[in-house]
């Protein structure tokens, strides 16, 4: 596997291409921290401090102090990183002109902290480009403003000529949230709760009323609004429940037993969570999907919402990895974080490292699939799995941890090419949006459709 000394020069080139800072001391410190993360594959301070480069041998206590000082600098905050990460993500994804780029909004709870992220969906994973932090339990009246602030922050750096479509789960719908999406000009596909208030055909009703007459395997679309009255947000409501189609490797007897136990635990959780409510409709409504979208067709809405699951894999990578033991230990590290500022900078380091590692995995997967990878590289990749079911993040991790030495030259060449590609990307953009309180009229909801393949 490449040593930190081998990784450091190319990481410096990446950070220079990102344009994060022109201060030489800050660039060196940030490059050493990102190099330590990629080399030791963990956000734990003990792992970072052992991999930090130093011209002379220094005690562990001094190395810990160097890591701790990183959380007091602005270079890893969302405010500082988001414009560069948005520019880099779009350069790496390289969407064709007019193609809609999907972003996923979600949150992950790590001990006493809730982290909200917005990221670009790419190759089955999500590249975080903006984030916000709240203590848990959430302070009153802070959830929606925090989410909207993250969306506006990413949108302020988003190029106006690249259509964006946000997907999110049912924890986020709200009038202020949808008004924010309309203000920044993004499309959306968001799952609603059964108790969400909607208006269809001029009649206000709960979203669960749309399940009446819905059929399994058929997606229906009706025009409607979220809420009612003059502040209602126009859009379309999509109701459906896809047929369960399991891949071959999940149809075995053991997999079916695991799925049955998982379903039983879920039902037990619902029964205990809603034990004071009568009647309990959650067991029935959970099986259906009610989407509020700016798309004009049901297939487009269901296809967009399906991309949301990439964020679950990204969170799993950051925490325990595919087996609970090979992730980046985000949850235990954030659980011990002392304040929100510390948490925000740790998430910034995760976002930077994940982008570089995902790029390595994507390039590796692409070259192997197109038979353009060197023979030695392809031979090493063939040893990793018998099925080929590896995420781009996991492929990047395996490449960085390869002990054969056959990937060293390829890694340096690939990372250098990626940095050169970033250096030619357009500079970051900056937009300002009027506060929602000053809006007295409501333009039509933006509709972004992905072109047909």
Protein backbone atom coordinates (compact mmCIF):
# COMPACT_ATOMS: atom_id res chain seq x y z
CA UNK A 1 0.00 0.00 0.00
CA UNK A 2 1.30 3.54 -0.68
CA UNK A 3 2.86 5.26 2.31
CA UNK A 4 1.83 8.75 3.47
CA UNK A 5 5.06 10.06 1.92
CA UNK A 6 3.94 8.75 -1.48
CA UNK A 7 0.36 10.02 -1.15
CA UNK A 8 1.19 13.47 0.18
CA UNK A 9 2.46 15.10 -3.07
CA UNK A 10 -0.62 14.10 -5.09
CA UNK A 11 -2.97 15.16 -2.28
CA UNK A 12 -1.29 18.57 -2.33
CA UNK A 13 -1.95 18.77 -6.07
CA UNK A 14 -5.62 17.89 -5.46
CA UNK A 15 -6.06 20.57 -2.82
CA UNK A 16 -4.35 23.12 -5.04
CA UNK A 17 -6.70 22.19 -7.89
CA UNK A 18 -9.64 22.61 -5.52
CA UNK A 19 -8.38 26.08 -4.65
CA UNK A 20 -9.09 25.66 -0.95
CA UNK A 21 -6.39 28.00 0.31
CA UNK A 22 -3.38 29.94 -0.94
CA UNK A 23 -1.74 30.06 2.47
CA UNK A 24 1.26 27.69 2.26
CA UNK A 25 1.16 26.65 5.92
CA UNK A 26 -2.57 25.95 5.79
CA UNK A 27 -2.16 23.95 2.58
CA UNK A 28 0.56 21.78 4.14
CA UNK A 29 -1.46 21.15 7.31
CA UNK A 30 -4.64 20.31 5.39
CA UNK A 31 -2.80 18.03 2.93
CA UNK A 32 -1.14 16.15 5.78
CA UNK A 33 -4.50 15.61 7.49
CA UNK A 34 -6.22 14.32 4.31
CA UNK A 35 -3.21 12.12 3.56
CA UNK A 36 -3.38 10.64 7.07
CA UNK A 37 -7.08 9.82 6.57
CA UNK A 38 -6.49 8.09 3.24
CA UNK A 39 -3.47 6.21 4.55
CA UNK A 40 -5.03 4.90 7.79
CA UNK A 41 -8.70 4.86 6.69
CA UNK A 42 -10.05 6.20 9.95
CA UNK A 43 -11.17 9.53 11.42
CA UNK A 44 -10.02 8.52 14.88
CA UNK A 45 -7.43 10.98 16.28
CA UNK A 46 -5.10 8.09 17.13
CA UNK A 47 -5.07 6.90 13.50
CA UNK A 48 -4.64 10.42 12.11
CA UNK A 49 -1.79 11.35 14.43
CA UNK A 50 0.20 8.19 13.63
CA UNK A 51 0.03 8.89 9.90
CA UNK A 52 0.90 12.60 10.11
CA UNK A 53 4.09 13.43 8.28
CA UNK A 54 6.85 15.11 10.24
CA UNK A 55 10.43 16.02 9.23
CA UNK A 56 11.65 14.81 12.62
CA UNK A 57 10.42 12.22 15.10
CA UNK A 58 8.02 13.77 17.61
CA UNK A 59 6.16 12.28 20.60
CA UNK A 60 2.56 11.11 20.33
CA UNK A 61 1.35 13.96 22.57
CA UNK A 62 2.67 16.54 20.11
CA UNK A 63 1.07 14.69 17.22
CA UNK A 64 -2.28 14.75 19.05
CA UNK A 65 -1.93 18.51 19.49
CA UNK A 66 -1.32 18.93 15.77
CA UNK A 67 -4.51 17.02 14.98
CA UNK A 68 -6.46 18.97 17.61
CA UNK A 69 -5.36 22.31 16.15
CA UNK A 70 -6.98 21.33 12.83
CA UNK A 71 -10.43 21.59 14.39
CA UNK A 72 -9.84 25.28 15.19
CA UNK A 73 -9.12 26.30 11.60
CA UNK A 74 -11.76 27.44 9.06
CA UNK A 75 -10.49 25.30 6.16
CA UNK A 76 -12.79 22.35 6.92
CA UNK A 77 -16.04 24.24 7.54
CA UNK A 78 -18.97 23.88 5.18
CA UNK A 79 -18.89 27.61 4.48
CA UNK A 80 -15.31 27.34 3.26
CA UNK A 81 -15.46 23.98 1.49
CA UNK A 82 -18.87 23.95 -0.20
CA UNK A 83 -18.02 26.15 -3.24
CA UNK A 84 -14.92 24.08 -3.99
CA UNK A 85 -16.66 20.75 -3.39
CA UNK A 86 -19.58 21.69 -5.66
CA UNK A 87 -17.15 22.67 -8.41
CA UNK A 88 -15.13 19.48 -7.93
CA UNK A 89 -18.17 17.16 -7.78
CA UNK A 90 -19.58 18.53 -11.03
CA UNK A 91 -16.17 18.25 -12.70
CA UNK A 92 -15.82 14.61 -11.63
CA UNK A 93 -19.39 13.63 -12.50
CA UNK A 94 -19.13 15.58 -15.78
CA UNK A 95 -22.87 15.67 -16.64
CA UNK A 96 -23.70 16.32 -20.31
CA UNK A 97 -25.13 19.72 -21.17
CA UNK A 98 -28.73 19.99 -19.98
CA UNK A 99 -28.54 16.78 -17.95
CA UNK A 100 -30.15 16.94 -14.51
CA UNK A 101 -27.83 16.28 -11.59
CA UNK A 102 -29.46 14.65 -8.58
CA UNK A 103 -28.65 15.66 -5.03
CA UNK A 104 -29.59 13.65 -1.95
CA UNK A 105 -30.54 15.25 1.36
CA UNK A 106 -30.41 13.15 4.50
CA UNK A 107 -29.17 13.12 8.08
CA UNK A 108 -27.15 10.75 10.24
CA UNK A 109 -27.22 10.67 14.02
CA UNK A 110 -23.91 10.11 15.77
CA UNK A 111 -24.32 10.08 19.53
CA UNK A 112 -25.35 13.57 20.70
CA UNK A 113 -25.10 15.09 17.20
CA UNK A 114 -27.28 15.12 14.09
CA UNK A 115 -25.45 15.82 10.83
CA UNK A 116 -27.45 16.99 7.79
CA UNK A 117 -25.79 16.50 4.42
CA UNK A 118 -26.53 17.43 0.82
CA UNK A 119 -24.49 15.51 -1.72
CA UNK A 120 -24.23 14.80 -5.43
CA UNK A 121 -25.40 11.30 -6.39
CA UNK A 122 -22.69 9.49 -8.33
CA UNK A 123 -22.06 5.80 -9.09
CA UNK A 124 -24.34 4.51 -6.35
CA UNK A 125 -22.84 6.79 -3.70
CA UNK A 126 -23.19 10.42 -2.66
CA UNK A 127 -20.41 13.02 -2.61
CA UNK A 128 -21.18 15.37 0.34
CA UNK A 129 -20.88 19.01 -0.71
CA UNK A 130 -22.73 20.79 2.11
CA UNK A 131 -23.62 19.99 5.70
CA UNK A 132 -25.03 21.35 8.93
CA UNK A 133 -24.90 20.18 12.54
CA UNK A 134 -27.43 20.18 15.37
CA UNK A 135 -27.22 18.72 18.86
CA UNK A 136 -29.62 15.89 19.61
CA UNK A 137 -32.34 16.14 20.89
CA UNK A 138 -32.90 18.94 18.41
CA UNK A 139 -33.42 22.41 19.85
CA UNK A 140 -36.94 23.69 19.22
CA UNK A 141 -37.54 25.40 15.88
CA UNK A 142 -34.04 24.65 14.60
CA UNK A 143 -34.57 21.56 12.42
CA UNK A 144 -36.15 23.13 9.32
CA UNK A 145 -34.06 26.35 9.37
CA UNK A 146 -30.88 24.26 9.55
CA UNK A 147 -31.95 22.08 6.61
CA UNK A 148 -32.95 25.11 4.55
CA UNK A 149 -29.65 26.83 5.34
CA UNK A 150 -27.71 23.82 4.04
CA UNK A 151 -29.78 23.77 0.84
CA UNK A 152 -29.28 27.50 0.26
CA UNK A 153 -25.56 27.22 0.93
CA UNK A 154 -25.12 24.51 -1.71
CA UNK A 155 -27.43 26.33 -4.13
CA UNK A 156 -25.44 29.55 -3.75
CA UNK A 157 -22.43 27.76 -5.27
CA UNK A 158 -24.42 25.75 -7.83
CA UNK A 159 -23.99 26.79 -11.52
CA UNK A 160 -27.19 28.22 -12.97
CA UNK A 161 -26.73 26.27 -16.22
CA UNK A 162 -26.76 22.85 -14.48
CA UNK A 163 -30.29 21.64 -13.58
CA UNK A 164 -30.51 20.14 -10.10
CA UNK A 165 -33.08 17.79 -8.59
CA UNK A 166 -33.16 17.10 -4.85
CA UNK A 167 -34.38 13.81 -3.37
CA UNK A 168 -35.15 13.37 0.33
CA UNK A 169 -36.97 11.11 2.75
CA UNK A 170 -40.15 11.86 4.70
CA UNK A 171 -38.40 13.56 7.65
CA UNK A 172 -37.93 16.80 5.70
CA UNK A 173 -41.20 17.97 4.04
CA UNK A 174 -42.51 21.33 5.13
CA UNK A 175 -43.77 24.53 3.55
CA UNK A 176 -40.57 26.46 4.31
CA UNK A 177 -38.49 23.59 2.93
CA UNK A 178 -40.37 23.47 -0.39
CA UNK A 179 -40.37 27.26 -0.63
CA UNK A 180 -36.59 27.15 -0.26
CA UNK A 181 -36.32 24.70 -3.15
CA UNK A 182 -38.53 26.93 -5.29
CA UNK A 183 -36.44 29.96 -4.39
CA UNK A 184 -33.15 28.35 -5.45
CA UNK A 185 -34.75 26.94 -8.62
CA UNK A 186 -34.27 23.24 -7.92
CA UNK A 187 -36.62 20.42 -8.75
CA UNK A 188 -37.49 17.92 -6.04
CA UNK A 189 -38.85 14.49 -5.25
CA UNK A 190 -39.57 14.09 -1.54
CA UNK A 191 -41.42 11.33 0.27
CA UNK A 192 -44.35 12.47 2.43
CA UNK A 193 -45.59 11.11 5.71
CA UNK A 194 -49.08 9.65 5.84
CA UNK A 195 -50.14 12.54 8.09
CA UNK A 196 -48.89 15.25 5.70
CA UNK A 197 -51.54 17.74 4.65
CA UNK A 198 -52.11 17.96 0.90
CA UNK A 199 -54.75 19.40 -1.41
CA UNK A 200 -56.06 17.43 -4.39
CA UNK A 201 -58.92 18.61 -6.58
CA UNK A 202 -59.44 21.62 -4.34
CA UNK A 203 -60.02 19.45 -1.25
CA UNK A 204 -57.65 19.37 1.68
CA UNK A 205 -56.88 15.91 3.02
CA UNK A 206 -54.26 13.79 4.72
CA UNK A 207 -51.74 12.12 2.41
CA UNK A 208 -52.90 8.68 3.59
CA UNK A 209 -56.23 9.29 1.84
CA UNK A 210 -54.38 8.91 -1.46
CA UNK A 211 -53.83 5.24 -0.65
CA UNK A 212 -57.51 4.52 -1.17
CA UNK A 213 -57.79 2.63 -4.42
CA UNK A 214 -54.01 2.48 -4.94
CA UNK A 215 -52.79 -0.79 -6.45
CA UNK A 216 -49.53 -2.59 -5.89
CA UNK A 217 -47.13 -2.37 -8.81
CA UNK A 218 -48.91 0.65 -10.34
CA UNK A 219 -47.71 4.22 -9.82
CA UNK A 220 -50.32 6.97 -10.07
CA UNK A 221 -49.78 10.72 -10.45
CA UNK A 222 -52.19 13.54 -9.62
CA UNK A 223 -51.77 17.30 -9.55
CA UNK A 224 -51.97 18.81 -6.10
CA UNK A 225 -50.34 21.05 -3.53
CA UNK A 226 -48.49 20.60 -0.28
CA UNK A 227 -50.66 22.31 2.32
CA UNK A 228 -53.62 24.52 1.49
CA UNK A 229 -54.55 28.14 1.05
CA UNK A 230 -52.47 30.91 -0.50
CA UNK A 231 -49.23 29.48 0.92
CA UNK A 232 -49.74 26.01 -0.59
CA UNK A 233 -46.83 24.75 -2.70
CA UNK A 234 -47.92 23.40 -6.13
CA UNK A 235 -46.53 20.16 -7.45
CA UNK A 236 -47.58 16.60 -8.20
CA UNK A 237 -48.34 13.67 -5.92
CA UNK A 238 -47.16 10.21 -6.87
CA UNK A 239 -48.44 7.12 -5.05
CA UNK A 240 -47.16 3.61 -5.55
CA UNK A 241 -45.67 0.46 -4.16
CA UNK A 242 -43.16 -1.30 -6.34
CA UNK A 243 -43.13 -5.06 -6.69
CA UNK A 244 -40.49 -6.73 -4.52
CA UNK A 245 -37.83 -8.16 -6.83
CA UNK A 246 -34.85 -9.62 -5.00
CA UNK A 247 -31.46 -10.06 -6.69
CA UNK A 248 -30.22 -13.62 -6.98
CA UNK A 249 -27.76 -13.39 -4.10
CA UNK A 250 -30.58 -12.33 -1.72
CA UNK A 251 -32.91 -15.25 -2.52
CA UNK A 252 -30.98 -17.84 -0.52
CA UNK A 253 -32.49 -19.49 2.54
CA UNK A 254 -30.22 -17.58 4.90
CA UNK A 255 -30.99 -14.23 3.27
CA UNK A 256 -34.73 -14.87 3.45
CA UNK A 257 -34.45 -15.77 7.15
CA UNK A 258 -32.54 -12.57 7.81
CA UNK A 259 -35.15 -10.54 5.90
CA UNK A 260 -37.95 -12.18 7.92
CA UNK A 261 -36.21 -11.37 11.23
CA UNK A 262 -35.60 -7.81 10.09
CA UNK A 263 -39.28 -7.41 9.19
CA UNK A 264 -40.35 -8.82 12.58
CA UNK A 265 -38.09 -6.36 14.41
CA UNK A 266 -39.53 -3.52 12.33
CA UNK A 267 -43.08 -4.51 13.18
CA UNK A 268 -42.20 -4.76 16.87
CA UNK A 269 -40.64 -1.30 16.72
CA UNK A 270 -43.73 0.17 15.07
CA UNK A 271 -46.01 -1.48 17.61
CA UNK A 272 -44.06 -0.02 20.52
CA UNK A 273 -43.59 3.38 18.88
CA UNK A 274 -47.30 3.86 18.14
CA UNK A 275 -48.77 1.98 21.08
CA UNK A 276 -50.72 5.03 22.29
CA UNK A 277 -52.29 5.74 18.95
CA UNK A 278 -55.54 4.12 17.90
CA UNK A 279 -55.90 2.87 15.30
CA UNK A 280 -52.31 2.20 14.28
CA UNK A 281 -52.04 2.60 10.50
CA UNK A 282 -48.26 2.75 10.29
CA UNK A 283 -47.86 -0.93 9.45
CA UNK A 284 -49.97 -0.44 6.33
CA UNK A 285 -48.86 3.04 5.24
CA UNK A 286 -45.15 2.21 5.62
CA UNK A 287 -45.45 -0.23 2.73
CA UNK A 288 -46.49 2.54 0.34
CA UNK A 289 -44.59 5.49 -1.04
CA UNK A 290 -46.25 8.91 -1.35
CA UNK A 291 -44.02 11.35 -3.22
CA UNK A 292 -44.36 15.09 -3.70
CA UNK A 293 -42.46 16.02 -6.83
CA UNK A 294 -41.85 18.62 -9.51
CA UNK A 295 -41.57 15.89 -12.15
CA UNK A 296 -44.39 15.57 -14.66
CA UNK A 297 -44.47 11.76 -14.84
CA UNK A 298 -44.66 9.01 -12.23
CA UNK A 299 -41.73 6.96 -13.69
CA UNK A 300 -39.48 10.02 -13.54
CA UNK A 301 -40.44 10.65 -9.90
CA UNK A 302 -39.98 7.04 -8.77
CA UNK A 303 -36.68 6.82 -10.68
CA UNK A 304 -35.38 9.96 -8.99
CA UNK A 305 -36.45 8.86 -5.52
CA UNK A 306 -34.70 5.52 -5.97
CA UNK A 307 -31.39 7.40 -6.19
CA UNK A 308 -31.83 8.53 -2.58
CA UNK A 309 -30.55 5.19 -1.33
CA UNK A 310 -27.02 6.11 -2.35
CA UNK A 311 -26.74 8.25 0.76
CA UNK A 312 -27.38 5.21 2.98
CA UNK A 313 -24.32 3.49 1.52
CA UNK A 314 -22.26 6.65 1.96
CA UNK A 315 -23.18 6.86 5.65
CA UNK A 316 -22.39 3.18 6.08
CA UNK A 317 -18.96 3.71 4.49
CA UNK A 318 -18.24 6.58 6.85
CA UNK A 319 -19.24 4.61 9.93
CA UNK A 320 -18.55 0.86 9.89
CA UNK A 321 -18.03 0.02 6.23
CA UNK A 322 -19.63 -2.93 4.48
CA UNK A 323 -19.00 -5.28 7.42
CA UNK A 324 -19.05 -2.91 10.39
CA UNK A 325 -15.27 -3.03 10.75
CA UNK A 326 -13.73 -1.29 7.74
CA UNK A 327 -15.39 2.12 7.76
CA UNK A 328 -13.99 5.48 8.81
CA UNK A 329 -15.41 5.39 12.38
CA UNK A 330 -17.47 8.56 11.93
CA UNK A 331 -20.00 7.69 14.64
CA UNK A 332 -17.62 6.94 17.54
CA UNK A 333 -15.48 9.96 16.65
CA UNK A 334 -18.43 12.39 16.49
CA UNK A 335 -19.88 10.90 19.67
CA UNK A 336 -16.80 12.14 21.52
CA UNK A 337 -16.67 15.54 19.77
CA UNK A 338 -16.73 18.44 22.18
CA UNK A 339 -18.81 20.99 20.27
CA UNK A 340 -20.61 21.65 16.97
CA UNK A 341 -17.56 23.41 15.51
CA UNK A 342 -15.49 20.28 16.06
CA UNK A 343 -18.20 18.12 14.46
CA UNK A 344 -18.47 20.39 11.42
CA UNK A 345 -14.74 20.19 10.71
CA UNK A 346 -14.66 16.42 11.12
CA UNK A 347 -17.46 16.14 8.57
CA UNK A 348 -15.47 18.44 6.27
CA UNK A 349 -12.46 16.11 6.47
CA UNK A 350 -14.75 13.16 5.72
CA UNK A 351 -16.19 14.96 2.68
CA UNK A 352 -12.74 15.75 1.28
CA UNK A 353 -11.37 12.26 1.80
CA UNK A 354 -14.51 10.54 0.49
CA UNK A 355 -14.37 12.54 -2.75
CA UNK A 356 -10.78 11.52 -3.45
CA UNK A 357 -11.30 7.86 -2.51
CA UNK A 358 -14.53 7.61 -4.54
CA UNK A 359 -12.75 9.06 -7.56
CA UNK A 360 -10.08 6.33 -7.26
CA UNK A 361 -12.73 3.61 -7.06
CA UNK A 362 -14.72 5.02 -9.96
CA UNK A 363 -11.68 5.20 -12.21
CA UNK A 364 -10.68 1.68 -11.25
CA UNK A 365 -14.15 0.30 -11.95
CA UNK A 366 -14.38 2.12 -15.27
CA UNK A 367 -10.99 0.98 -16.52
CA UNK A 368 -11.58 -2.64 -15.53
CA UNK A 369 -15.04 -2.63 -17.16
CA UNK A 370 -13.68 -1.16 -20.40
CA UNK A 371 -10.55 -3.36 -20.37
CA UNK A 372 -8.29 -0.29 -20.39
CA UNK A 373 -6.64 -1.00 -17.03
CA UNK A 374 -3.04 -2.28 -17.06
CA UNK A 375 -2.83 -6.06 -16.83
CA UNK A 376 -1.18 -5.94 -13.40
CA UNK A 377 -3.92 -3.66 -12.08
CA UNK A 378 -6.71 -5.84 -13.47
CA UNK A 379 -5.09 -8.93 -11.93
CA UNK A 380 -5.05 -7.29 -8.49
CA UNK A 381 -8.68 -6.18 -8.76
CA UNK A 382 -9.75 -9.71 -9.74
CA UNK A 383 -8.54 -10.95 -6.35
CA UNK A 384 -10.83 -8.71 -4.29
CA UNK A 385 -14.22 -10.36 -4.80
CA UNK A 386 -15.79 -13.31 -6.59
CA UNK A 387 -19.00 -11.44 -7.45
CA UNK A 388 -17.76 -7.98 -8.43
CA UNK A 389 -20.25 -6.36 -6.03
CA UNK A 390 -18.04 -3.63 -4.63
CA UNK A 391 -18.98 0.02 -4.29
CA UNK A 392 -16.72 2.66 -5.79
CA UNK A 393 -15.81 3.74 -2.25
CA UNK A 394 -14.78 0.18 -1.30
CA UNK A 395 -12.74 -0.19 -4.50
CA UNK A 396 -10.92 3.01 -3.64
CA UNK A 397 -10.23 1.71 -0.14
CA UNK A 398 -8.88 -1.59 -1.44
CA UNK A 399 -6.66 0.26 -3.92
CA UNK A 400 -5.22 2.47 -1.16
CA UNK A 401 -4.63 -0.55 1.09
CA UNK A 402 -3.27 -2.93 -1.55
CA UNK A 403 -0.15 -4.66 -0.25
CA UNK A 404 1.11 -6.10 -3.52
CA UNK A 405 2.64 -2.81 -4.67
CA UNK A 406 1.26 -3.24 -8.19
CA UNK A 407 -1.14 -0.30 -7.83
CA UNK A 408 1.34 2.33 -6.59
CA UNK A 409 2.21 3.77 -10.00
CA UNK A 410 -1.40 3.55 -11.15
CA UNK A 411 -2.63 5.39 -8.05
CA UNK A 412 -0.20 8.28 -8.48
CA UNK A 413 -1.03 8.56 -12.18
CA UNK A 414 -4.80 8.44 -11.56
CA UNK A 415 -4.77 10.98 -8.75
CA UNK A 416 -2.58 13.32 -10.78
CA UNK A 417 -4.94 13.04 -13.75
CA UNK A 418 -7.90 13.78 -11.49
CA UNK A 419 -6.21 16.90 -10.10
CA UNK A 420 -5.40 18.11 -13.61
CA UNK A 421 -9.04 17.58 -14.58
CA UNK A 422 -10.19 19.64 -11.58
CA UNK A 423 -7.76 22.43 -12.40
CA UNK A 424 -9.49 22.98 -15.77
CA UNK A 425 -13.00 23.12 -14.26
CA UNK A 426 -14.86 26.46 -14.30
CA UNK A 427 -14.31 28.61 -11.19
CA UNK A 428 -16.83 28.46 -8.35
CA UNK A 429 -20.01 30.47 -8.80
CA UNK A 430 -21.86 32.52 -6.23
CA UNK A 431 -25.57 33.35 -6.10
CA UNK A 432 -27.63 35.26 -3.59
CA UNK A 433 -31.28 34.51 -2.95
CA UNK A 434 -33.92 36.78 -1.39
CA UNK A 435 -35.12 35.81 2.07
CA UNK A 436 -38.38 33.88 2.01
CA UNK A 437 -40.10 36.47 4.17
CA UNK A 438 -39.77 39.05 1.39
CA UNK A 439 -41.51 36.89 -1.20
CA UNK A 440 -45.09 37.90 -1.85
CA UNK A 441 -45.66 35.96 -5.07
CA UNK A 442 -44.98 32.35 -5.89
CA UNK A 443 -43.65 31.45 -9.34
CA UNK A 444 -44.48 28.12 -10.85
CA UNK A 445 -42.59 25.16 -9.44
CA UNK A 446 -39.52 24.31 -11.53
CA UNK A 447 -39.73 21.08 -13.46
CA UNK A 448 -36.45 19.37 -14.33
CA UNK A 449 -36.60 16.18 -16.33
CA UNK A 450 -33.70 13.90 -17.08
CA UNK A 451 -33.29 13.52 -20.85
CA UNK A 452 -34.07 10.11 -22.29
CA UNK A 453 -31.06 7.88 -22.67
